[in-house]
N, C-alpha and C. Protein backbone atom coordinates (compact mmCIF):
# COMPACT_ATOMS: atom_id res chain seq x y z
N UNK A 1 104.36 72.32 122.94
CA UNK A 1 105.34 72.74 122.09
C UNK A 1 104.49 73.88 120.94
N UNK A 2 105.12 74.72 120.64
CA UNK A 2 104.64 75.40 119.54
C UNK A 2 104.24 74.80 118.33
N UNK A 3 103.14 75.31 117.45
CA UNK A 3 102.68 74.87 116.44
C UNK A 3 103.93 74.58 115.56
N UNK A 4 104.81 75.94 115.07
CA UNK A 4 105.39 76.23 114.31
C UNK A 4 107.16 75.06 114.40
N UNK A 5 107.29 75.17 115.82
CA UNK A 5 108.19 74.38 116.03
C UNK A 5 108.29 72.94 115.96
N UNK A 6 107.24 72.72 116.24
CA UNK A 6 106.59 71.46 115.78
C UNK A 6 106.84 70.92 114.44
N UNK A 7 106.30 71.80 113.52
CA UNK A 7 106.16 71.95 111.97
C UNK A 7 107.88 71.65 111.57
N UNK A 8 108.76 72.88 112.60
CA UNK A 8 110.25 72.39 111.97
C UNK A 8 110.61 71.48 112.02
N UNK A 9 110.68 70.57 113.21
CA UNK A 9 111.40 69.45 113.51
C UNK A 9 110.78 68.31 112.55
N UNK A 10 109.53 68.24 112.59
CA UNK A 10 108.80 67.17 111.65
C UNK A 10 108.85 67.03 110.17
N UNK A 11 108.13 68.21 109.58
CA UNK A 11 108.71 68.66 108.19
C UNK A 11 110.08 69.41 107.84
N UNK A 12 110.09 70.26 107.81
CA UNK A 12 111.17 71.08 107.75
C UNK A 12 112.73 70.78 107.97
N UNK A 13 112.97 70.05 108.50
CA UNK A 13 114.13 69.41 108.97
C UNK A 13 114.51 68.30 107.56
N UNK A 14 113.61 67.43 107.58
CA UNK A 14 113.27 66.51 106.85
C UNK A 14 113.57 67.02 105.00
N UNK A 15 113.03 68.01 105.09
CA UNK A 15 112.75 68.61 103.64
C UNK A 15 114.41 69.20 103.24
N UNK A 16 114.69 70.12 104.55
CA UNK A 16 116.05 70.99 104.10
C UNK A 16 116.97 69.88 104.26
N UNK A 17 117.14 68.72 105.01
CA UNK A 17 118.25 67.65 104.84
C UNK A 17 118.33 67.09 103.24
N UNK A 18 117.26 66.84 102.53
CA UNK A 18 117.28 66.33 101.35
C UNK A 18 117.56 67.33 100.07
N UNK A 19 117.09 68.47 100.27
CA UNK A 19 117.70 69.53 99.37
C UNK A 19 119.16 69.66 99.47
N UNK A 20 119.61 70.00 100.65
CA UNK A 20 120.95 70.53 100.70
C UNK A 20 122.10 69.19 100.93
N UNK A 21 121.62 68.12 101.23
CA UNK A 21 122.26 67.06 101.64
C UNK A 21 123.04 66.56 102.36
N UNK A 22 122.40 67.34 103.76
CA UNK A 22 123.21 67.30 105.23
C UNK A 22 123.06 65.51 105.63
N UNK A 23 124.02 65.71 106.14
CA UNK A 23 124.05 63.78 106.69
C UNK A 23 123.83 63.80 108.45
N UNK A 24 123.85 65.00 109.00
CA UNK A 24 123.72 65.25 110.74
C UNK A 24 122.83 66.31 110.73
N UNK A 25 121.45 65.91 111.28
CA UNK A 25 120.54 66.93 111.58
C UNK A 25 120.91 67.99 112.36
N UNK A 26 122.32 68.40 113.04
CA UNK A 26 122.77 69.33 113.61
C UNK A 26 123.13 70.11 112.41
N UNK A 27 123.45 69.90 111.41
CA UNK A 27 123.89 70.99 110.22
C UNK A 27 122.68 71.47 109.51
N UNK A 28 121.46 71.39 110.08
CA UNK A 28 120.10 71.87 109.53
C UNK A 28 119.76 73.14 110.03
N UNK A 29 119.94 74.24 109.16
CA UNK A 29 119.75 75.71 110.01
C UNK A 29 118.61 75.80 110.84
N UNK A 30 118.69 76.33 111.53
CA UNK A 30 117.46 76.87 112.57
C UNK A 30 117.31 78.35 112.58
N UNK A 31 116.32 78.63 113.42
CA UNK A 31 116.23 80.16 113.94
C UNK A 31 116.99 80.18 115.26
N UNK A 32 117.62 81.25 115.04
CA UNK A 32 118.56 81.55 116.35
C UNK A 32 118.02 82.41 117.04
N UNK A 33 117.87 83.59 116.91
CA UNK A 33 117.14 84.86 117.68
C UNK A 33 116.51 85.81 116.53
N UNK A 34 115.39 86.16 117.15
CA UNK A 34 114.56 87.49 116.19
C UNK A 34 114.93 88.92 117.31
N UNK A 35 115.55 90.18 116.31
CA UNK A 35 115.74 91.24 117.21
C UNK A 35 114.65 92.05 116.55
N UNK A 36 113.55 92.64 117.16
CA UNK A 36 112.80 93.58 116.80
C UNK A 36 112.92 95.03 117.55
N UNK A 37 113.46 96.12 116.58
CA UNK A 37 114.30 97.25 117.20
C UNK A 37 113.17 98.39 116.70
N UNK A 38 113.15 99.47 117.25
CA UNK A 38 112.20 100.49 116.68
C UNK A 38 112.96 102.08 117.11
N UNK A 39 113.16 102.68 115.70
CA UNK A 39 114.28 103.82 116.28
C UNK A 39 113.03 104.77 116.57
N UNK A 40 113.43 105.60 117.35
CA UNK A 40 112.42 106.82 117.96
C UNK A 40 113.54 108.02 117.93
N UNK A 41 113.58 108.65 116.53
CA UNK A 41 114.17 110.04 116.65
C UNK A 41 113.66 110.97 117.36
N UNK A 42 112.18 111.24 117.78
CA UNK A 42 111.75 112.42 118.54
C UNK A 42 111.89 112.31 119.63
N UNK A 43 112.43 111.15 120.63
CA UNK A 43 112.84 110.82 121.91
C UNK A 43 113.75 111.74 122.60
N UNK A 44 114.67 112.69 121.55
CA UNK A 44 115.11 113.66 121.96
C UNK A 44 114.51 114.85 122.56
N UNK A 45 113.50 115.06 122.10
CA UNK A 45 112.86 116.16 122.59
C UNK A 45 111.84 115.97 123.44
N UNK A 46 110.93 115.10 123.04
CA UNK A 46 109.88 114.52 124.10
C UNK A 46 110.42 113.26 124.71
N UNK A 47 110.50 113.13 125.81
CA UNK A 47 110.54 111.60 126.48
C UNK A 47 109.31 110.78 126.61
N UNK A 48 108.17 111.27 126.71
CA UNK A 48 106.62 110.44 127.03
C UNK A 48 107.05 109.52 125.09
N UNK A 49 107.36 109.99 124.28
CA UNK A 49 107.32 109.44 122.98
C UNK A 49 107.94 108.10 123.28
N UNK A 50 109.56 108.39 123.76
CA UNK A 50 109.93 106.74 124.11
C UNK A 50 108.94 105.92 124.81
N UNK A 51 108.74 106.51 125.85
CA UNK A 51 108.00 105.52 126.83
C UNK A 51 106.83 104.89 126.39
N UNK A 52 105.79 105.89 124.99
CA UNK A 52 104.70 105.18 124.51
C UNK A 52 105.26 103.64 123.51
N UNK A 53 106.41 104.58 122.89
CA UNK A 53 107.14 103.16 122.10
C UNK A 53 107.73 101.93 122.79
N UNK A 54 108.20 102.20 123.90
CA UNK A 54 108.29 101.04 124.73
C UNK A 54 107.50 100.16 124.88
N UNK A 55 106.11 101.14 125.41
CA UNK A 55 104.70 100.33 125.70
C UNK A 55 104.22 99.94 124.49
N UNK A 56 104.03 100.53 123.31
CA UNK A 56 103.91 99.60 122.15
C UNK A 56 104.64 98.02 122.01
N UNK A 57 106.36 98.59 121.72
CA UNK A 57 107.13 96.61 121.99
C UNK A 57 106.79 96.06 122.80
N UNK A 58 106.43 96.42 123.82
CA UNK A 58 106.09 95.60 124.99
C UNK A 58 105.25 94.84 124.79
N UNK A 59 103.86 95.64 124.43
CA UNK A 59 102.64 95.01 124.30
C UNK A 59 102.83 93.96 122.93
N UNK A 60 103.68 94.45 121.59
CA UNK A 60 103.89 93.24 120.42
C UNK A 60 104.62 92.06 120.86
N UNK A 61 105.48 92.45 121.67
CA UNK A 61 106.57 91.19 121.88
C UNK A 61 106.54 90.34 122.90
N UNK A 62 105.78 90.92 123.96
CA UNK A 62 105.76 90.25 125.27
C UNK A 62 106.47 90.39 126.39
N UNK A 63 107.92 91.02 125.79
CA UNK A 63 109.13 91.26 126.60
C UNK A 63 109.18 92.74 127.15
N UNK A 64 110.06 93.05 127.99
CA UNK A 64 110.23 94.54 128.00
C UNK A 64 111.39 94.73 127.16
N UNK A 65 111.25 95.88 126.59
CA UNK A 65 112.52 96.32 125.63
C UNK A 65 113.42 96.96 126.36
N UNK A 66 114.94 96.99 125.74
CA UNK A 66 115.86 98.10 126.19
C UNK A 66 115.97 98.95 125.53
N UNK A 67 116.07 100.00 126.38
CA UNK A 67 116.15 101.56 125.82
C UNK A 67 117.71 101.67 124.94
N UNK A 68 117.80 101.89 123.86
CA UNK A 68 119.01 101.96 123.28
C UNK A 68 119.40 103.23 123.14
N UNK A 69 120.77 103.81 123.26
CA UNK A 69 121.05 105.34 123.64
C UNK A 69 122.13 105.32 122.31
N UNK A 70 122.10 106.51 122.06
CA UNK A 70 123.23 107.26 121.18
C UNK A 70 124.68 106.94 121.56
N UNK A 71 125.36 106.42 120.51
CA UNK A 71 126.43 106.08 120.57
C UNK A 71 127.79 107.31 120.77
N UNK A 72 127.34 108.14 119.86
CA UNK A 72 128.11 109.70 119.68
C UNK A 72 127.27 110.40 119.62
N UNK A 73 127.61 111.90 119.35
CA UNK A 73 127.19 112.97 119.46
C UNK A 73 126.84 113.13 117.73
N UNK A 74 125.53 113.72 117.32
CA UNK A 74 125.66 114.81 116.26
C UNK A 74 124.73 115.79 116.28
N UNK A 75 125.79 117.15 116.13
CA UNK A 75 125.19 118.26 116.34
C UNK A 75 124.01 118.76 115.19
N UNK A 76 124.16 118.17 114.29
CA UNK A 76 122.92 118.56 113.24
C UNK A 76 121.54 118.23 113.61
N UNK A 77 121.12 117.00 114.62
CA UNK A 77 120.06 116.25 115.13
C UNK A 77 119.90 116.27 116.25
N UNK A 78 120.87 117.32 117.45
CA UNK A 78 120.65 117.85 118.30
C UNK A 78 120.56 116.52 119.42
N UNK A 79 121.73 115.88 119.09
CA UNK A 79 121.77 114.55 119.52
C UNK A 79 123.34 114.71 120.60
N UNK A 80 123.07 114.40 121.58
CA UNK A 80 124.11 114.21 122.30
C UNK A 80 124.84 112.33 122.87
N UNK A 81 125.54 112.10 123.26
CA UNK A 81 126.37 110.73 123.40
C UNK A 81 125.40 110.24 124.59
N UNK A 82 124.91 109.24 124.66
CA UNK A 82 124.19 108.70 125.57
C UNK A 82 122.37 109.04 125.79
N UNK A 83 122.16 109.84 124.79
CA UNK A 83 120.64 110.20 125.06
C UNK A 83 119.85 108.80 124.33
N UNK A 84 118.27 108.70 124.82
CA UNK A 84 118.01 107.26 124.63
C UNK A 84 117.40 107.77 123.14
N UNK A 85 117.58 107.02 122.14
CA UNK A 85 117.06 107.05 120.56
C UNK A 85 116.07 106.09 120.31
N UNK A 86 116.10 104.78 121.16
CA UNK A 86 115.23 103.88 120.50
C UNK A 86 115.13 102.54 121.59
N UNK A 87 114.83 101.68 120.76
CA UNK A 87 114.42 100.47 121.85
C UNK A 87 114.39 99.18 121.19
N UNK A 88 114.81 98.01 121.56
CA UNK A 88 114.82 96.92 121.01
C UNK A 88 114.73 95.28 121.94
N UNK A 89 114.18 94.56 121.42
CA UNK A 89 113.85 93.44 122.36
C UNK A 89 114.59 92.40 121.21
N UNK A 90 115.10 91.10 122.05
CA UNK A 90 115.66 90.40 121.66
C UNK A 90 114.74 88.91 122.08
N UNK A 91 114.16 87.97 121.25
CA UNK A 91 113.25 86.93 121.18
C UNK A 91 114.27 85.61 121.20
N UNK A 92 114.10 84.79 121.70
CA UNK A 92 114.52 83.04 121.76
C UNK A 92 113.93 82.30 122.00
N UNK A 93 114.36 81.20 121.60
CA UNK A 93 113.26 79.54 122.05
C UNK A 93 111.55 79.91 121.73
N UNK A 94 110.82 79.30 123.11
CA UNK A 94 109.81 79.70 122.78
C UNK A 94 109.00 80.76 122.04
N UNK A 95 109.45 82.00 122.43
CA UNK A 95 108.75 83.23 122.28
C UNK A 95 109.04 83.75 121.03
N UNK A 96 110.46 82.93 120.86
CA UNK A 96 110.87 83.70 119.68
C UNK A 96 109.67 82.96 118.40
N UNK A 97 109.57 81.72 118.79
CA UNK A 97 108.59 80.97 117.48
C UNK A 97 107.16 81.38 117.74
N UNK A 98 106.26 81.80 118.77
CA UNK A 98 105.20 82.33 118.88
C UNK A 98 105.35 84.07 118.30
N UNK A 99 106.44 84.71 118.40
CA UNK A 99 106.17 85.71 117.69
C UNK A 99 106.41 85.95 116.32
N UNK A 100 107.33 84.69 115.84
CA UNK A 100 107.51 84.45 114.38
C UNK A 100 106.34 83.82 113.66
N UNK A 101 105.07 83.04 114.72
CA UNK A 101 104.22 82.46 114.10
C UNK A 101 103.03 83.72 113.79
N UNK A 102 103.21 84.39 114.73
CA UNK A 102 101.90 85.52 115.02
C UNK A 102 102.25 86.59 113.46
N UNK A 103 103.72 86.69 113.38
CA UNK A 103 104.34 87.90 112.61
C UNK A 103 103.72 87.10 111.15
N UNK A 104 103.83 85.66 110.78
CA UNK A 104 103.61 85.37 109.35
C UNK A 104 102.21 84.85 109.24
N UNK A 105 101.66 84.83 110.38
CA UNK A 105 100.14 84.35 109.87
C UNK A 105 99.00 85.15 110.25
N UNK A 106 99.31 86.14 111.14
CA UNK A 106 98.52 87.45 111.61
C UNK A 106 98.92 88.61 111.13
N UNK A 107 99.85 89.21 111.60
CA UNK A 107 100.53 90.73 110.95
C UNK A 107 100.95 90.99 109.83
N UNK A 108 101.48 90.35 109.05
CA UNK A 108 101.80 90.58 107.90
C UNK A 108 100.93 90.51 106.55
N UNK A 109 99.79 89.69 106.89
CA UNK A 109 98.41 89.41 105.91
C UNK A 109 97.95 90.67 106.02
N UNK A 110 97.92 91.47 107.12
CA UNK A 110 97.15 92.43 107.52
C UNK A 110 98.02 93.75 106.85
N UNK A 111 99.15 93.55 106.40
CA UNK A 111 99.62 94.96 105.61
C UNK A 111 98.76 95.39 104.43
N UNK A 112 98.47 96.64 104.56
CA UNK A 112 97.70 96.98 102.69
C UNK A 112 98.56 97.10 102.09
N UNK A 113 97.95 96.58 100.89
CA UNK A 113 98.49 96.56 99.32
C UNK A 113 100.08 95.35 99.16
N UNK A 114 100.01 94.52 100.41
CA UNK A 114 100.94 93.59 100.55
C UNK A 114 100.87 92.90 99.15
N UNK A 115 102.31 92.53 98.69
CA UNK A 115 102.68 91.71 97.67
C UNK A 115 103.94 90.68 98.00
N UNK A 116 103.88 90.47 99.01
CA UNK A 116 105.18 89.93 99.94
C UNK A 116 105.99 90.89 100.02
N UNK A 117 107.39 89.77 101.18
CA UNK A 117 108.14 90.63 101.27
C UNK A 117 109.55 90.75 100.27
N UNK A 118 110.37 91.90 100.15
CA UNK A 118 111.35 91.69 99.22
C UNK A 118 112.56 91.01 99.76
N UNK A 119 113.01 90.28 99.05
CA UNK A 119 114.12 89.14 99.19
C UNK A 119 115.41 89.32 99.40
N UNK A 120 115.93 90.59 98.99
CA UNK A 120 116.74 91.52 99.17
C UNK A 120 117.72 91.82 100.29
N UNK A 121 117.07 91.15 101.65
CA UNK A 121 117.49 91.97 102.57
C UNK A 121 118.79 90.93 103.21
N UNK A 122 118.98 89.90 102.66
CA UNK A 122 119.92 88.94 103.44
C UNK A 122 121.44 89.52 103.17
N UNK A 123 122.02 89.21 104.46
CA UNK A 123 123.22 89.48 104.83
C UNK A 123 124.43 89.03 104.41
N UNK A 124 124.62 88.11 103.94
CA UNK A 124 125.58 87.01 103.42
C UNK A 124 125.53 85.89 104.09
N UNK A 125 125.42 86.04 105.42
CA UNK A 125 125.76 85.30 106.59
C UNK A 125 124.90 84.24 107.17
N UNK A 126 123.68 84.50 106.46
CA UNK A 126 122.45 83.85 106.40
C UNK A 126 121.21 84.33 107.82
N UNK A 127 121.19 85.62 107.72
CA UNK A 127 120.40 86.37 108.41
C UNK A 127 119.81 87.30 107.22
N UNK A 128 118.01 87.54 108.24
CA UNK A 128 117.17 88.38 107.14
C UNK A 128 116.78 89.43 107.50
N UNK A 129 116.69 90.48 107.19
CA UNK A 129 116.25 91.96 108.34
C UNK A 129 115.32 92.77 107.00
N UNK A 130 114.31 92.88 107.55
CA UNK A 130 113.20 93.77 106.93
C UNK A 130 112.20 94.96 107.90
N UNK A 131 111.66 95.45 107.27
CA UNK A 131 110.96 96.65 108.29
C UNK A 131 109.27 96.47 107.89
N UNK A 132 108.55 96.89 108.86
CA UNK A 132 107.09 97.27 108.92
C UNK A 132 107.32 98.79 109.24
N UNK A 133 106.02 99.19 107.99
CA UNK A 133 106.05 100.59 108.09
C UNK A 133 105.15 101.21 109.47
N UNK A 134 104.20 100.36 109.69
CA UNK A 134 103.38 100.71 111.05
C UNK A 134 103.31 99.77 112.06
N UNK A 135 103.06 100.14 113.36
CA UNK A 135 103.23 98.70 114.20
C UNK A 135 101.74 98.48 114.84
N UNK A 136 100.70 98.97 113.91
CA UNK A 136 99.10 98.30 113.86
C UNK A 136 98.79 97.35 113.36
N UNK A 137 99.63 97.05 112.53
CA UNK A 137 99.58 95.44 111.84
C UNK A 137 99.19 94.51 112.70
N UNK A 138 100.13 94.46 114.11
CA UNK A 138 99.60 93.36 114.73
C UNK A 138 98.32 93.46 115.90
N UNK A 139 97.71 92.54 116.03
CA UNK A 139 96.33 92.85 116.70
C UNK A 139 96.52 93.13 117.96
N UNK A 140 97.84 93.15 118.95
CA UNK A 140 97.66 93.60 120.19
C UNK A 140 97.65 94.83 120.52
N UNK A 141 97.97 95.80 119.24
CA UNK A 141 98.16 97.12 119.50
C UNK A 141 96.76 97.55 119.02
N UNK A 142 96.05 98.30 119.91
CA UNK A 142 94.55 99.14 119.67
C UNK A 142 95.05 100.54 118.85
N UNK A 143 94.48 100.27 117.79
CA UNK A 143 94.54 101.68 117.08
C UNK A 143 93.92 102.93 118.08
N UNK A 144 93.07 103.12 118.72
CA UNK A 144 92.99 104.34 119.03
C UNK A 144 93.55 104.74 120.82
N UNK A 145 94.18 103.55 120.77
CA UNK A 145 95.04 103.97 122.28
C UNK A 145 96.84 104.57 121.84
N UNK A 146 96.88 104.13 120.56
CA UNK A 146 98.59 104.88 120.30
C UNK A 146 98.21 106.15 120.13
N UNK A 147 99.60 106.77 120.08
CA UNK A 147 99.68 108.51 120.27
C UNK A 147 100.33 108.57 118.72
N UNK A 148 101.12 107.69 118.15
CA UNK A 148 101.38 107.91 116.89
C UNK A 148 101.72 106.82 116.10
N UNK A 149 102.02 106.70 114.67
CA UNK A 149 102.14 105.24 113.95
C UNK A 149 103.81 105.57 113.79
N UNK A 150 104.43 104.06 114.22
CA UNK A 150 105.85 103.74 114.28
C UNK A 150 106.28 102.67 113.20
N UNK A 151 107.61 102.59 112.74
CA UNK A 151 107.39 101.56 112.29
C UNK A 151 108.54 100.66 113.08
N UNK A 152 109.35 99.52 112.58
CA UNK A 152 109.89 98.59 113.32
C UNK A 152 110.68 98.02 112.40
N UNK A 153 112.00 97.28 112.94
CA UNK A 153 112.65 96.63 112.19
C UNK A 153 112.98 95.11 112.59
N UNK A 154 112.80 94.27 112.37
CA UNK A 154 112.62 92.94 112.49
C UNK A 154 114.05 92.03 112.08
N UNK A 155 114.57 91.27 112.47
CA UNK A 155 116.56 90.89 112.03
C UNK A 155 115.95 89.16 112.59
N UNK A 156 116.04 88.66 111.78
CA UNK A 156 115.73 87.21 111.77
C UNK A 156 117.16 86.48 111.77
N UNK A 157 117.88 85.69 112.94
CA UNK A 157 119.08 85.33 112.80
C UNK A 157 119.01 83.88 112.99
N UNK A 158 119.85 83.38 111.85
CA UNK A 158 119.57 81.83 111.69
C UNK A 158 121.13 81.31 112.03
N UNK A 159 120.93 79.91 112.04
CA UNK A 159 122.23 78.92 112.02
C UNK A 159 123.16 78.78 110.69
N UNK A 160 122.18 79.65 109.22
CA UNK A 160 122.55 79.12 108.17
C UNK A 160 123.83 79.89 107.77
N UNK A 161 124.39 78.99 106.78
CA UNK A 161 125.51 79.50 106.66
C UNK A 161 125.61 80.73 105.07
N UNK A 162 124.50 80.07 104.30
CA UNK A 162 124.47 80.97 103.40
C UNK A 162 123.19 81.65 102.89
N UNK A 163 122.79 82.58 102.30
CA UNK A 163 121.57 83.28 102.05
C UNK A 163 120.70 82.68 101.22
N UNK A 164 121.03 81.59 100.45
CA UNK A 164 119.95 80.57 99.80
C UNK A 164 119.66 79.22 101.23
N UNK A 165 120.74 78.88 102.06
CA UNK A 165 119.89 78.16 102.94
C UNK A 165 119.26 78.80 104.13
N UNK A 166 119.30 80.36 104.49
CA UNK A 166 118.52 80.85 104.70
C UNK A 166 117.12 80.74 104.35
N UNK A 167 117.17 81.60 102.99
CA UNK A 167 115.56 81.89 101.98
C UNK A 167 114.99 80.31 102.24
N UNK A 168 115.85 79.25 102.15
CA UNK A 168 115.11 77.77 101.97
C UNK A 168 113.98 77.79 103.36
N UNK A 169 115.06 78.05 104.68
CA UNK A 169 114.33 77.92 105.70
C UNK A 169 113.15 78.96 106.10
N UNK A 170 113.52 79.95 105.85
CA UNK A 170 112.34 80.98 105.65
C UNK A 170 111.08 80.55 105.27
N UNK A 171 111.38 79.91 103.86
CA UNK A 171 110.13 79.72 103.25
C UNK A 171 109.69 78.65 103.73
N UNK A 172 110.19 77.46 104.11
CA UNK A 172 109.56 76.30 104.68
C UNK A 172 108.68 76.87 105.79
N UNK A 173 109.31 77.85 106.76
CA UNK A 173 108.43 78.10 107.80
C UNK A 173 107.10 79.35 107.72
N UNK A 174 107.18 79.58 106.56
CA UNK A 174 106.09 80.26 105.66
C UNK A 174 106.09 81.62 105.64
N UNK A 175 107.47 82.11 105.41
CA UNK A 175 107.84 83.76 105.32
C UNK A 175 107.16 83.81 103.91
N UNK A 176 106.31 84.63 103.32
CA UNK A 176 105.89 85.27 102.21
C UNK A 176 106.72 86.33 101.38
N UNK A 177 107.50 85.35 100.54
CA UNK A 177 108.56 86.54 99.92
C UNK A 177 107.84 86.71 98.36
N UNK A 178 108.45 87.28 97.95
CA UNK A 178 107.96 88.90 96.63
C UNK A 178 108.45 87.52 96.00
N UNK A 179 107.42 87.11 94.77
CA UNK A 179 107.56 86.49 93.16
C UNK A 179 108.65 87.21 92.63
N UNK A 180 109.37 86.23 91.93
CA UNK A 180 110.56 87.12 91.14
C UNK A 180 109.78 87.15 89.63
N UNK A 181 109.33 88.07 89.24
CA UNK A 181 108.45 88.32 88.05
C UNK A 181 109.41 88.75 86.70
């Protein structure tokens, strides 16, 4: 069992049950899935850029990404409906816990001038989204072998009903939020 999942079952569940007064352990919020996505706007001109983004994403997540396509045409961006414009990966179960563990223990501390993740990106339904400016913070990516620096979006979906519950869950699992000063 993953060390983060083990910590969730032994410590985090008990702490959240006491803090929010849950009667049943199934009421305690848990991680449901993590969606990692990358928008590649230059893919409309050059297909090789999207292929490199897909390789980077596969290296980071350990799963093959799904290529996302444009939903509608936008003439100003020279974009037609159905053109590939990005990729995404949905992680669940063990792979999700492994990725989250690598994210908070290895990748986030490697961000330059890091002062915590802003805690204003909750959606009101117990989900949290944030972005990373470069994929090179993950140790799996070799800096010499990438063609360009790309950012990626990470959405953490939980079973929490409110933002407060979600924030408490993520903090217990080690998410380094910014300190309010």
